[in-house]
N, C-alpha and C. Protein backbone atom coordinates (compact mmCIF):
# COMPACT_ATOMS: atom_id res chain seq x y z
N MET A 1 1.05 -1.16 0.15
CA MET A 1 0.51 -0.16 0.32
C MET A 1 0.52 1.32 0.11
N HIS A 2 0.23 2.62 -0.91
CA HIS A 2 1.70 3.25 -0.79
C HIS A 2 0.70 4.71 0.10
N PRO A 3 1.19 4.74 0.61
CA PRO A 3 0.63 6.11 2.15
C PRO A 3 0.33 7.01 1.33
N SER A 4 -0.85 7.84 1.89
CA SER A 4 -1.14 8.72 1.27
C SER A 4 -0.77 9.97 2.06
N SER A 5 -0.66 11.12 1.32
CA SER A 5 0.58 12.14 2.02
C SER A 5 0.16 13.93 2.55
N TYR A 6 0.13 13.76 3.01
CA TYR A 6 -0.51 15.97 3.12
C TYR A 6 0.04 16.63 2.47
N TYR A 7 1.23 16.30 1.61
CA TYR A 7 1.56 17.01 0.98
C TYR A 7 0.73 17.07 -0.13
N GLU A 8 0.18 15.79 -0.95
CA GLU A 8 -0.36 15.39 -1.60
C GLU A 8 -1.84 16.49 -1.96
N GLY A 9 -2.26 16.68 -0.82
CA GLY A 9 -3.68 17.36 -1.06
C GLY A 9 -4.69 16.87 0.24
N HIS A 10 -3.78 15.65 0.85
CA HIS A 10 -5.29 14.70 1.30
C HIS A 10 -4.86 15.46 3.14
N SER A 11 -6.13 15.36 3.62
CA SER A 11 -6.40 15.73 5.08
C SER A 11 -5.65 14.61 5.91
N ILE A 12 -5.16 15.72 6.96
CA ILE A 12 -4.64 14.77 7.79
C ILE A 12 -5.12 13.53 8.57
N ASN A 13 -6.92 13.48 8.63
CA ASN A 13 -7.22 12.60 8.94
C ASN A 13 -7.21 11.07 7.63
N GLN A 14 -7.66 11.17 6.63
CA GLN A 14 -7.34 10.59 5.32
C GLN A 14 -5.94 10.29 5.56
N VAL A 15 -4.85 11.16 6.17
CA VAL A 15 -3.62 10.33 5.83
C VAL A 15 -3.28 9.16 7.44
N THR A 16 -3.75 9.54 8.03
CA THR A 16 -3.96 8.78 9.40
C THR A 16 -4.69 7.81 9.61
N PHE A 17 -5.69 7.22 8.68
CA PHE A 17 -6.85 6.67 8.80
C PHE A 17 -6.23 5.13 8.49
N PRO A 18 -4.86 4.98 7.96
CA PRO A 18 -4.87 3.64 7.52
C PRO A 18 -4.49 2.53 9.02
N VAL A 19 -3.65 3.84 9.72
CA VAL A 19 -3.46 3.42 11.36
C VAL A 19 -4.67 2.87 11.85
N ARG A 20 -5.50 3.41 11.90
CA ARG A 20 -6.60 2.86 12.56
C ARG A 20 -7.38 1.73 12.71
N VAL A 21 -7.10 1.60 10.91
CA VAL A 21 -7.26 0.12 10.17
C VAL A 21 -6.59 -0.90 10.78
N PHE A 22 -5.37 -0.36 11.06
CA PHE A 22 -4.38 -1.50 11.24
C PHE A 22 -4.57 -1.78 12.53
N LYS A 23 -5.19 -1.09 13.71
CA LYS A 23 -5.34 -1.12 14.97
C LYS A 23 -6.67 -2.55 15.17
N LEU A 24 -7.53 -1.93 14.45
CA LEU A 24 -8.76 -2.60 14.25
C LEU A 24 -8.40 -4.07 14.13
N LEU A 25 -7.52 -4.39 12.99
CA LEU A 25 -7.19 -5.58 12.40
C LEU A 25 -5.93 -6.43 13.68
N GLY A 26 -5.82 -6.14 14.65
CA GLY A 26 -5.50 -6.32 15.39
C GLY A 26 -3.63 -6.27 15.84
N VAL A 27 -3.34 -5.17 14.76
CA VAL A 27 -1.53 -4.96 14.42
C VAL A 27 -1.14 -4.08 16.10
N ASP A 28 -0.32 -4.68 16.87
CA ASP A 28 0.60 -4.01 18.16
C ASP A 28 1.63 -3.45 17.56
N THR A 29 2.13 -3.75 16.13
CA THR A 29 3.69 -2.73 16.46
C THR A 29 3.59 -1.90 14.70
N LEU A 30 4.07 -1.72 14.73
CA LEU A 30 4.63 -0.45 13.43
C LEU A 30 5.69 -0.05 13.02
N VAL A 31 6.43 -0.68 11.75
CA VAL A 31 7.51 -0.23 11.68
C VAL A 31 7.31 1.04 10.07
N LEU A 32 7.88 1.46 10.19
CA LEU A 32 7.89 3.08 9.14
C LEU A 32 9.02 3.36 8.81
N THR A 33 9.36 3.67 7.53
CA THR A 33 10.45 4.18 6.89
C THR A 33 10.42 5.30 6.06
N ASN A 34 11.04 6.10 5.76
CA ASN A 34 10.72 7.17 5.20
C ASN A 34 12.56 7.75 4.77
N ALA A 35 12.36 9.11 3.68
CA ALA A 35 13.04 9.67 3.27
C ALA A 35 13.36 10.59 4.14
N ALA A 36 14.52 11.34 4.34
CA ALA A 36 14.79 12.45 5.08
C ALA A 36 15.75 13.28 4.67
N GLY A 37 15.93 14.91 4.89
CA GLY A 37 17.09 15.78 4.41
C GLY A 37 18.13 15.12 5.90
N GLY A 38 19.02 15.64 5.79
CA GLY A 38 20.24 15.51 6.66
C GLY A 38 20.20 16.88 7.49
N LEU A 39 20.03 17.19 8.24
CA LEU A 39 20.48 18.44 9.29
C LEU A 39 21.39 18.33 9.92
N ASN A 40 22.12 17.33 10.57
CA ASN A 40 23.41 16.76 11.57
C ASN A 40 24.27 16.67 10.28
N SER A 41 25.41 17.57 10.71
CA SER A 41 26.79 17.41 10.18
C SER A 41 27.03 16.23 9.63
N GLU A 42 26.66 15.24 10.65
CA GLU A 42 27.82 13.72 11.27
C GLU A 42 27.09 13.05 10.01
N TYR A 43 25.68 13.13 9.47
CA TYR A 43 25.08 12.38 8.75
C TYR A 43 25.52 12.90 7.23
N ALA A 44 25.47 11.51 6.20
CA ALA A 44 25.79 11.68 4.92
C ALA A 44 24.31 11.37 4.30
N VAL A 45 24.43 11.36 3.03
CA VAL A 45 23.46 10.66 1.94
C VAL A 45 23.60 9.45 1.91
N GLY A 46 22.74 8.39 2.20
CA GLY A 46 22.98 6.93 2.47
C GLY A 46 22.51 6.40 3.75
N ASP A 47 23.44 7.45 5.09
CA ASP A 47 22.90 6.80 6.05
C ASP A 47 21.33 6.31 6.55
N ILE A 48 21.66 5.81 7.49
CA ILE A 48 19.75 5.63 8.18
C ILE A 48 19.67 5.98 9.88
N VAL A 49 18.83 6.71 9.94
CA VAL A 49 18.68 7.58 11.33
C VAL A 49 17.33 6.53 11.84
N LEU A 50 17.63 6.13 13.05
CA LEU A 50 16.66 5.70 13.92
C LEU A 50 15.84 6.46 14.43
N LEU A 51 14.99 6.81 14.67
CA LEU A 51 14.29 7.54 15.06
C LEU A 51 14.10 7.78 16.62
N ASN A 52 14.15 8.57 17.61
CA ASN A 52 14.19 8.00 18.83
C ASN A 52 12.89 9.50 19.33
N ASP A 53 12.50 10.57 18.43
CA ASP A 53 12.24 11.68 19.01
C ASP A 53 11.30 12.17 18.10
N HIS A 54 10.04 13.42 17.66
CA HIS A 54 10.40 14.10 16.81
C HIS A 54 9.64 15.56 17.22
N ILE A 55 9.93 16.39 16.19
CA ILE A 55 9.15 17.76 16.88
C ILE A 55 8.03 18.02 15.74
N PHE A 56 6.83 18.50 16.05
CA PHE A 56 5.72 18.38 15.34
C PHE A 56 5.06 19.89 15.38
N LEU A 57 5.53 20.57 15.17
CA LEU A 57 5.29 22.55 15.66
C LEU A 57 3.61 22.76 14.80
N ALA A 58 3.79 21.57 13.49
CA ALA A 58 2.30 22.01 12.85
C ALA A 58 0.95 21.65 14.18
N GLY A 59 1.43 20.29 14.68
CA GLY A 59 0.60 19.69 15.30
C GLY A 59 0.58 20.59 17.32
N LEU A 60 1.25 21.40 17.35
CA LEU A 60 1.40 22.18 18.35
C LEU A 60 0.98 23.23 17.88
N ALA A 61 0.71 23.64 16.85
CA ALA A 61 0.26 24.83 15.85
C ALA A 61 -1.51 24.48 15.87
N GLY A 62 -1.88 22.98 16.53
CA GLY A 62 -3.54 22.75 15.86
C GLY A 62 -3.79 21.91 14.62
N THR A 63 -2.63 21.88 13.96
CA THR A 63 -2.73 21.00 12.54
C THR A 63 -2.30 19.29 13.31
N HIS A 64 -3.70 18.90 14.71
CA HIS A 64 -3.31 17.48 14.91
C HIS A 64 -4.44 16.55 14.08
N PRO A 65 -3.56 15.16 14.07
CA PRO A 65 -4.58 14.18 14.31
C PRO A 65 -5.42 14.03 15.07
N LEU A 66 -5.35 14.16 15.86
CA LEU A 66 -6.42 13.82 17.21
C LEU A 66 -7.13 14.89 17.46
N ARG A 67 -6.75 15.91 16.75
CA ARG A 67 -7.83 17.14 17.13
C ARG A 67 -9.57 16.71 16.82
N GLY A 68 -10.34 17.41 17.93
CA GLY A 68 -12.16 16.41 17.49
C GLY A 68 -12.52 15.67 18.99
N PRO A 69 -13.44 15.35 18.75
CA PRO A 69 -13.88 14.34 19.39
C PRO A 69 -13.00 13.28 19.67
N ASN A 70 -12.98 12.95 20.80
CA ASN A 70 -11.84 11.52 21.13
C ASN A 70 -12.42 10.59 20.93
N ALA A 71 -12.09 9.24 20.10
CA ALA A 71 -12.55 8.03 19.36
C ALA A 71 -12.10 6.83 21.34
N GLU A 72 -12.89 7.26 22.36
CA GLU A 72 -12.50 6.35 22.94
C GLU A 72 -11.76 4.83 23.07
N GLU A 73 -12.85 4.23 21.75
CA GLU A 73 -12.02 3.00 21.49
C GLU A 73 -10.99 2.52 20.66
N PHE A 74 -10.03 3.67 21.05
CA PHE A 74 -8.96 3.75 20.10
C PHE A 74 -7.95 4.05 21.39
N GLY A 75 -8.20 5.15 21.99
CA GLY A 75 -7.53 5.76 23.32
C GLY A 75 -7.80 6.40 23.97
N PRO A 76 -6.69 7.08 24.78
CA PRO A 76 -7.06 8.41 25.95
C PRO A 76 -7.40 9.56 25.30
N ARG A 77 -7.67 10.50 25.98
CA ARG A 77 -8.25 11.80 24.93
C ARG A 77 -6.77 12.63 25.11
N PHE A 78 -5.68 12.43 25.90
CA PHE A 78 -4.56 13.23 25.84
C PHE A 78 -3.29 12.31 26.23
N PRO A 79 -3.10 11.48 24.60
CA PRO A 79 -2.34 10.23 24.90
C PRO A 79 -1.27 10.74 25.22
N PRO A 80 0.68 10.25 26.32
CA PRO A 80 1.37 10.51 26.19
C PRO A 80 2.44 10.59 25.09
N LEU A 81 3.07 11.40 24.83
CA LEU A 81 4.52 11.19 23.65
C LEU A 81 5.65 11.35 24.01
N SER A 82 6.22 11.40 25.28
CA SER A 82 7.44 11.41 25.50
C SER A 82 8.21 10.18 25.31
N ASP A 83 7.63 8.95 25.18
CA ASP A 83 8.34 7.43 24.93
C ASP A 83 7.67 7.25 23.33
N ALA A 84 7.41 8.17 22.46
CA ALA A 84 6.67 7.58 20.99
C ALA A 84 7.43 6.22 20.23
N TYR A 85 8.58 6.65 20.40
CA TYR A 85 9.31 5.91 19.74
C TYR A 85 9.97 4.39 20.22
N ASP A 86 9.85 3.07 20.52
CA ASP A 86 9.82 1.96 21.48
C ASP A 86 10.98 1.66 21.87
N LEU A 87 11.51 2.04 23.06
CA LEU A 87 12.86 1.90 23.23
C LEU A 87 13.59 0.60 22.95
N GLU A 88 13.10 -0.53 23.41
CA GLU A 88 12.91 -1.61 23.59
C GLU A 88 13.34 -2.64 22.08
N LEU A 89 12.80 -1.54 20.70
CA LEU A 89 12.54 -1.94 19.70
C LEU A 89 13.73 -1.49 19.26
N ARG A 90 14.27 -0.26 19.51
CA ARG A 90 15.33 0.80 19.18
C ARG A 90 16.69 -0.77 20.05
N ARG A 91 16.77 -0.86 21.03
CA ARG A 91 17.90 -1.48 21.34
C ARG A 91 18.10 -2.36 20.53
N HIS A 92 16.74 -3.65 20.36
CA HIS A 92 17.44 -4.81 19.49
C HIS A 92 17.68 -4.52 18.27
N VAL A 93 17.34 -3.16 17.12
CA VAL A 93 17.92 -2.84 16.07
C VAL A 93 19.53 -2.85 16.22
N HIS A 94 19.55 -1.84 17.53
CA HIS A 94 21.05 -1.84 17.67
C HIS A 94 22.10 -3.50 17.48
N ALA A 95 21.49 -3.93 18.26
CA ALA A 95 21.84 -5.22 18.49
C ALA A 95 21.90 -6.32 17.59
N ALA A 96 21.17 -5.78 16.51
CA ALA A 96 20.52 -7.08 14.98
C ALA A 96 22.14 -6.19 14.04
N TRP A 97 22.32 -4.58 14.29
CA TRP A 97 22.58 -3.87 13.34
C TRP A 97 24.51 -4.77 12.85
N GLY A 98 25.21 -5.03 14.40
CA GLY A 98 26.44 -5.49 13.48
C GLY A 98 26.59 -6.71 12.50
N GLU A 99 24.84 -7.41 12.54
CA GLU A 99 25.24 -8.62 11.82
C GLU A 99 24.84 -8.19 10.33
N VAL A 100 24.36 -7.25 10.18
CA VAL A 100 24.59 -6.82 8.81
C VAL A 100 25.66 -5.84 8.07
N MET A 101 26.14 -5.45 9.08
CA MET A 101 27.32 -4.66 8.36
C MET A 101 28.58 -5.27 7.91
N HIS A 102 28.77 -6.66 8.07
CA HIS A 102 29.84 -7.61 7.25
C HIS A 102 29.31 -7.51 5.55
N ALA A 103 27.89 -6.87 4.84
CA ALA A 103 27.76 -6.92 3.82
C ALA A 103 28.43 -5.90 3.08
N GLU A 104 28.21 -6.17 1.33
CA GLU A 104 29.18 -5.22 0.77
C GLU A 104 28.42 -4.49 1.10
N SER A 105 27.32 -3.95 0.87
CA SER A 105 27.10 -2.43 0.92
C SER A 105 26.78 -2.12 2.75
N GLN A 106 27.37 -1.38 3.14
CA GLN A 106 27.54 -0.79 4.64
C GLN A 106 26.80 0.64 5.01
N ARG A 107 26.15 0.59 5.14
CA ARG A 107 25.42 1.81 5.71
C ARG A 107 25.42 2.02 7.30
N ARG A 108 25.63 3.41 7.79
CA ARG A 108 26.02 3.55 9.07
C ARG A 108 24.66 3.89 9.26
N LEU A 109 24.77 3.60 11.23
CA LEU A 109 22.66 3.73 11.58
C LEU A 109 23.30 4.85 12.64
N HIS A 110 22.63 5.63 12.36
CA HIS A 110 22.22 7.08 13.53
C HIS A 110 21.49 6.44 14.44
N GLU A 111 21.07 7.42 15.98
CA GLU A 111 20.05 7.91 16.10
C GLU A 111 19.79 9.41 16.27
N GLY A 112 18.13 9.95 16.12
CA GLY A 112 17.83 11.07 16.13
C GLY A 112 16.42 11.43 16.27
N VAL A 113 16.34 12.70 16.22
CA VAL A 113 15.16 13.49 15.84
C VAL A 113 14.60 14.03 14.72
N ARG A 114 13.58 13.28 14.13
CA ARG A 114 12.59 13.97 13.10
C ARG A 114 12.27 15.13 13.43
N ARG A 115 11.95 16.35 12.01
CA ARG A 115 11.11 17.48 12.12
C ARG A 115 10.63 17.17 11.18
N ILE A 116 9.07 17.16 11.05
CA ILE A 116 8.28 17.08 9.62
C ILE A 116 7.54 18.81 9.66
N LEU A 117 7.80 18.87 8.34
CA LEU A 117 7.09 19.82 7.77
C LEU A 117 6.37 19.91 7.08
N LYS A 118 5.09 20.30 6.76
CA LYS A 118 3.80 20.36 6.31
C LYS A 118 3.44 21.26 5.20
N GLN A 119 4.74 20.84 3.82
CA GLN A 119 4.93 22.44 2.80
C GLN A 119 5.50 21.30 1.24
N THR A 120 5.22 21.53 0.36
CA THR A 120 5.40 21.10 -0.55
C THR A 120 6.43 21.64 -1.12
N SER A 121 7.57 21.79 -0.69
CA SER A 121 8.63 22.32 -1.41
C SER A 121 9.85 22.18 -0.28
N TYR A 122 11.12 21.87 -0.87
CA TYR A 122 12.31 21.63 0.33
C TYR A 122 12.76 22.78 1.25
N GLU A 123 13.16 22.87 2.17
CA GLU A 123 13.62 23.84 2.78
C GLU A 123 14.48 25.48 3.09
N THR A 124 14.48 26.42 3.31
CA THR A 124 15.25 27.05 2.72
C THR A 124 16.12 27.56 4.34
N ARG A 125 17.58 27.79 3.31
CA ARG A 125 18.46 27.85 4.44
C ARG A 125 18.52 28.08 5.91
N ALA A 126 17.50 28.87 6.19
CA ALA A 126 17.12 29.63 7.29
C ALA A 126 16.50 28.75 7.92
N GLU A 127 15.01 27.79 7.19
CA GLU A 127 15.00 26.67 7.90
C GLU A 127 15.48 26.04 8.41
N CYS A 128 16.70 26.00 7.59
CA CYS A 128 17.40 24.29 8.00
C CYS A 128 18.36 24.85 9.10
N ARG A 129 18.67 25.98 9.55
CA ARG A 129 19.84 26.52 10.49
C ARG A 129 18.09 26.27 11.73
N MET A 130 17.53 27.26 11.61
CA MET A 130 16.68 27.05 12.59
C MET A 130 15.99 25.39 13.11
N LEU A 131 15.69 24.56 12.54
CA LEU A 131 15.20 23.45 12.76
C LEU A 131 16.54 22.66 13.60
N HIS A 132 17.56 22.58 13.26
CA HIS A 132 18.81 22.37 13.70
C HIS A 132 19.13 22.74 15.13
N LYS A 133 18.75 24.11 15.21
CA LYS A 133 18.67 24.71 16.65
C LYS A 133 18.06 24.10 17.40
N LEU A 134 16.82 23.76 16.86
CA LEU A 134 15.59 23.40 17.79
C LEU A 134 16.16 22.00 18.24
N GLY A 135 17.27 21.41 17.39
CA GLY A 135 17.04 19.88 17.91
C GLY A 135 16.83 18.39 17.06
N ALA A 136 16.42 19.29 15.56
CA ALA A 136 16.17 17.99 14.63
C ALA A 136 17.76 17.63 14.12
N ASP A 137 17.61 16.56 13.58
CA ASP A 137 18.82 15.65 12.90
C ASP A 137 18.24 15.44 11.49
N VAL A 138 16.98 15.25 11.16
CA VAL A 138 16.52 15.11 9.82
C VAL A 138 15.17 15.85 9.75
N VAL A 139 14.92 16.04 8.66
CA VAL A 139 13.79 16.70 8.66
C VAL A 139 12.98 16.00 7.24
N GLY A 140 11.68 15.98 7.54
CA GLY A 140 10.95 15.63 6.24
C GLY A 140 9.63 15.68 6.07
N MET A 141 8.94 15.73 5.30
CA MET A 141 7.31 16.03 5.05
C MET A 141 6.13 14.66 5.49
N SER A 142 6.66 13.53 6.22
CA SER A 142 5.39 12.63 6.39
C SER A 142 5.92 11.96 7.85
N THR A 143 5.08 10.57 8.09
CA THR A 143 5.42 9.80 9.25
C THR A 143 5.44 10.38 10.32
N VAL A 144 5.13 11.43 10.47
CA VAL A 144 4.86 11.53 12.08
C VAL A 144 3.39 11.62 12.29
N PRO A 145 2.76 12.40 11.76
CA PRO A 145 1.22 12.18 12.14
C PRO A 145 0.39 10.82 12.30
N GLU A 146 1.36 9.64 11.22
CA GLU A 146 0.82 8.62 11.48
C GLU A 146 1.01 8.06 12.93
N ILE A 147 2.42 8.33 12.96
CA ILE A 147 3.07 7.78 14.44
C ILE A 147 2.06 8.46 15.80
N VAL A 148 1.66 9.96 15.72
CA VAL A 148 0.51 9.85 16.93
C VAL A 148 -0.34 9.48 16.91
N VAL A 149 -0.95 8.66 15.86
CA VAL A 149 -1.98 7.86 15.81
C VAL A 149 -1.71 6.62 16.49
N ALA A 150 -0.41 5.84 16.20
CA ALA A 150 0.01 4.72 15.95
C ALA A 150 -0.08 4.34 17.77
N ARG A 151 0.72 5.55 18.21
CA ARG A 151 0.84 5.81 19.99
C ARG A 151 -0.85 5.80 20.77
N HIS A 152 -1.57 6.72 20.27
CA HIS A 152 -2.85 7.34 20.72
C HIS A 152 -3.65 5.67 20.72
N CYS A 153 -3.39 4.89 19.78
CA CYS A 153 -3.86 3.16 19.62
C CYS A 153 -3.20 2.48 20.56
N GLY A 154 -2.13 2.70 20.74
CA GLY A 154 -1.48 1.44 21.97
C GLY A 154 -0.57 0.65 21.35
N ILE A 155 0.29 1.24 19.80
CA ILE A 155 0.74 0.44 19.24
C ILE A 155 2.37 0.79 19.03
N ARG A 156 2.89 -0.39 19.08
CA ARG A 156 4.34 0.24 19.33
C ARG A 156 4.70 0.76 17.84
N VAL A 157 5.51 1.51 17.99
CA VAL A 157 6.33 2.04 16.67
C VAL A 157 8.24 1.99 16.48
N LEU A 158 8.31 1.89 15.25
CA LEU A 158 9.46 1.88 15.13
C LEU A 158 9.81 2.47 13.62
N ALA A 159 10.33 3.43 13.86
CA ALA A 159 10.79 4.48 12.50
C ALA A 159 12.23 4.83 12.18
N LEU A 160 12.59 4.31 10.92
CA LEU A 160 13.82 4.55 10.28
C LEU A 160 13.97 5.26 9.19
N SER A 161 14.69 6.32 9.04
CA SER A 161 14.87 8.19 8.18
C SER A 161 15.77 7.09 6.99
N LEU A 162 15.66 7.27 5.98
CA LEU A 162 17.14 7.24 4.94
C LEU A 162 17.40 8.78 4.61
N VAL A 163 18.43 9.03 4.74
CA VAL A 163 18.94 10.41 4.61
C VAL A 163 19.47 9.99 3.07
N THR A 164 18.51 11.06 2.19
CA THR A 164 18.74 11.03 0.64
C THR A 164 18.85 12.64 0.36
N ASN A 165 19.35 13.48 1.41
CA ASN A 165 20.01 14.95 0.77
C ASN A 165 20.58 15.47 1.97
N CYS A 166 21.58 15.94 1.88
CA CYS A 166 22.43 17.13 3.02
C CYS A 166 21.49 18.37 3.30
N ALA A 167 21.14 18.87 4.14
CA ALA A 167 20.58 20.59 4.20
C ALA A 167 21.71 21.44 3.79
N VAL A 168 21.18 22.52 3.15
CA VAL A 168 21.98 23.45 2.94
C VAL A 168 21.74 24.16 4.07
N LEU A 169 22.96 24.23 5.45
CA LEU A 169 22.93 25.27 6.64
C LEU A 169 23.40 26.65 6.44
N SER A 170 24.78 26.50 5.74
CA SER A 170 25.10 28.06 5.39
C SER A 170 24.26 28.97 4.55
N PRO A 171 24.51 30.50 5.07
CA PRO A 171 23.74 31.33 5.21
C PRO A 171 23.52 31.82 3.63
N VAL A 172 23.22 31.94 3.02
CA VAL A 172 22.67 32.49 1.48
C VAL A 172 23.50 33.55 1.25
N PRO A 173 24.06 33.43 -0.37
CA PRO A 173 25.15 34.96 0.09
C PRO A 173 24.70 36.05 0.11
N ARG A 174 25.08 36.57 0.09
CA ARG A 174 24.94 38.12 0.35
C ARG A 174 24.90 38.90 -1.05
N GLY A 175 24.02 40.05 -1.30
CA GLY A 175 24.24 40.57 -2.77
C GLY A 175 25.65 41.73 -2.50
N ASP A 176 26.12 42.17 -1.44
CA ASP A 176 26.91 43.26 -1.18
C ASP A 176 28.41 42.47 -0.63
N ASP A 177 28.67 41.03 -1.08
CA ASP A 177 29.51 40.35 -0.55
C ASP A 177 30.52 41.08 -1.64
N ARG A 178 31.91 41.37 -1.10
CA ARG A 178 32.74 41.95 -2.58
C ARG A 178 33.44 41.03 -3.27
N LEU A 179 33.51 39.96 -2.55
CA LEU A 179 33.90 38.80 -3.19
C LEU A 179 33.32 38.11 -4.50
N LEU A 180 32.24 38.65 -4.31
CA LEU A 180 30.90 38.15 -5.98
C LEU A 180 31.45 39.21 -6.62
N GLN A 181 31.82 40.35 -6.29
CA GLN A 181 31.55 41.43 -7.28
C GLN A 181 32.15 40.67 -8.59
N GLY A 182 31.76 41.05 -9.72
CA GLY A 182 33.00 40.72 -10.95
C GLY A 182 32.56 39.77 -11.38
N LYS A 183 31.67 38.50 -10.74
CA LYS A 183 31.37 37.43 -10.91
C LYS A 183 30.30 37.25 -11.70
N GLY A 184 30.59 36.31 -12.91
CA GLY A 184 29.45 36.47 -13.77
C GLY A 184 28.21 35.37 -13.27
N VAL A 185 26.98 35.52 -14.28
CA VAL A 185 25.82 35.01 -14.03
C VAL A 185 26.30 32.98 -13.54
N GLU A 186 27.10 32.71 -14.69
CA GLU A 186 27.18 31.02 -14.44
C GLU A 186 27.99 30.90 -13.57
N GLU A 187 28.78 31.73 -12.72
CA GLU A 187 29.80 31.66 -11.48
C GLU A 187 28.86 31.88 -10.21
N LEU A 188 27.99 32.64 -10.24
CA LEU A 188 27.04 33.15 -9.07
C LEU A 188 26.04 31.54 -9.23
N ASP A 189 25.75 31.03 -10.34
CA ASP A 189 24.81 30.18 -10.32
C ASP A 189 25.21 28.95 -10.30
N ALA A 190 26.76 28.59 -10.02
CA ALA A 190 27.77 27.29 -9.77
C ALA A 190 27.72 27.68 -7.99
N ILE A 191 28.11 28.68 -7.50
CA ILE A 191 27.71 28.99 -6.06
C ILE A 191 26.79 28.44 -5.69
N LEU A 192 25.51 28.83 -5.81
CA LEU A 192 23.92 29.08 -5.20
C LEU A 192 23.45 27.06 -5.54
N GLN A 193 24.46 26.53 -6.42
CA GLN A 193 24.03 25.03 -6.63
C GLN A 193 24.66 24.18 -5.97
N GLU A 194 25.33 24.43 -5.03
CA GLU A 194 26.15 23.83 -3.71
C GLU A 194 25.39 23.23 -2.79
N GLY A 195 24.96 21.99 -3.05
CA GLY A 195 24.50 21.47 -1.81
C GLY A 195 23.16 21.61 -1.73
N LYS A 196 22.32 22.11 -3.32
CA LYS A 196 21.29 22.37 -3.15
C LYS A 196 20.19 21.07 -3.69
N ALA A 197 19.25 21.28 -2.91
CA ALA A 197 18.43 19.90 -2.98
C ALA A 197 17.37 19.71 -4.50
N ASN A 198 17.95 18.53 -5.47
CA ASN A 198 17.41 18.08 -6.32
C ASN A 198 16.71 16.77 -6.25
N HIS A 199 15.38 17.08 -6.43
CA HIS A 199 14.10 15.99 -6.24
C HIS A 199 14.70 14.73 -7.15
N GLU A 200 15.21 14.96 -8.05
CA GLU A 200 15.73 13.66 -8.97
C GLU A 200 16.71 12.77 -8.19
N GLU A 201 17.69 13.87 -7.59
CA GLU A 201 19.02 12.91 -6.88
C GLU A 201 18.34 12.13 -5.44
N VAL A 202 17.01 12.70 -5.06
CA VAL A 202 16.55 12.25 -3.61
C VAL A 202 16.13 11.04 -4.13
N LEU A 203 14.98 11.18 -5.20
CA LEU A 203 14.28 9.73 -5.89
C LEU A 203 15.52 8.65 -5.78
N GLU A 204 16.39 8.76 -6.60
CA GLU A 204 17.52 7.88 -6.89
C GLU A 204 18.28 7.51 -5.44
N ALA A 205 18.28 8.26 -4.60
CA ALA A 205 18.57 8.06 -3.12
C ALA A 205 18.28 7.06 -2.56
N GLY A 206 17.04 7.61 -2.57
CA GLY A 206 15.88 6.38 -1.97
C GLY A 206 15.70 4.85 -3.34
N ARG A 207 16.21 4.74 -4.29
CA ARG A 207 15.96 3.78 -4.82
C ARG A 207 17.19 2.89 -4.90
N SER A 208 18.72 3.35 -4.81
CA SER A 208 19.54 3.09 -4.23
C SER A 208 19.40 2.40 -2.83
N ALA A 209 18.43 2.45 -2.22
CA ALA A 209 19.21 2.09 -0.82
C ALA A 209 17.18 0.82 -0.88
N ALA A 210 16.75 0.93 -1.23
CA ALA A 210 15.50 0.22 -1.27
C ALA A 210 16.03 -1.35 -0.77
N ILE A 211 16.80 -2.12 -1.61
CA ILE A 211 16.91 -3.32 -1.51
C ILE A 211 17.56 -3.06 0.43
N ASP A 212 18.07 -2.35 0.20
CA ASP A 212 19.17 -2.70 1.46
C ASP A 212 18.56 -2.33 3.31
N MET A 213 17.24 -1.21 2.59
CA MET A 213 16.46 -1.06 3.65
C MET A 213 15.54 -2.17 3.99
N GLN A 214 15.08 -3.10 3.30
CA GLN A 214 14.37 -4.46 3.09
C GLN A 214 15.16 -5.52 3.39
N VAL A 215 16.21 -5.05 3.67
CA VAL A 215 17.14 -5.82 3.92
C VAL A 215 17.55 -6.18 5.67
N ARG A 216 17.32 -4.92 6.06
CA ARG A 216 17.79 -4.51 7.50
C ARG A 216 16.61 -4.65 7.79
N VAL A 217 15.31 -4.37 7.39
CA VAL A 217 14.04 -4.59 8.22
C VAL A 217 13.86 -5.90 8.78
N GLN A 218 14.49 -6.95 7.16
CA GLN A 218 13.83 -8.04 7.97
C GLN A 218 14.47 -8.84 8.82
N MET A 219 15.90 -8.17 9.15
CA MET A 219 16.56 -8.99 10.11
C MET A 219 16.28 -8.28 11.28
N ILE A 220 15.79 -7.66 11.60
CA ILE A 220 15.12 -7.03 12.72
C ILE A 220 14.51 -8.46 13.50
N PRO A 221 14.82 -9.22 14.35
CA PRO A 221 14.34 -10.58 15.16
C PRO A 221 12.98 -10.31 15.48
N PRO A 222 12.02 -11.63 14.52
CA PRO A 222 10.69 -11.79 14.76
C PRO A 222 10.22 -11.72 16.05
N ILE A 223 10.99 -11.87 17.44
CA ILE A 223 10.99 -11.66 18.63
C ILE A 223 10.14 -10.37 19.10
N MET A 224 10.81 -9.19 18.69
CA MET A 224 10.26 -8.14 18.75
C MET A 224 8.59 -7.84 18.45
N PHE A 225 8.15 -8.60 17.64
CA PHE A 225 6.80 -8.38 17.40
C PHE A 225 5.65 -9.11 17.95
N VAL A 226 6.32 -9.80 18.89
CA VAL A 226 5.31 -11.16 19.54
C VAL A 226 4.67 -9.84 20.73
């Protein structure tokens, strides 16, 4: 099933509806994967980030999947989210990770915080610096609303982000910079292109990592889901 996304025009209730269906079907553990931009300078394209927390500013501002009358059959009115990402599951992933590090394709594993943006464009440099200062390690456009609803339903959550591009944190070049005076349009364009997000490159990074991600999820001990 291809998940619906908020940025595609779906409502936040439509995006999270499948999670409630999972609850009714008896699912007790949810494993989510996604693409993300790396804000942490230690991350590189191709790294995998095991999420241990998130920053949901849109939710804090009112765009929240639990807004409205509470469905008691799913969960409490105000569910705690201080432990949204299951510690036991994360511990098992770290323990199992060494078993796949001998493979030809080696990807680094980190733990970090995801920040979700409800927008249909990549972030500006100033936005990236702000998000990093707030404590975010990766940024993306999905997953967090589904996690909120899963925790409301009492479903354990494991989430992994694939770093598909590295965010540009340096300030945008200034027009009054003397070092830029006299440079031609092509030279200026080359400067601006450094680190600029390219959607095709993001998609390619995701495609090249798809098999690796599948292998790593399949390596997770089945006992974790009992």
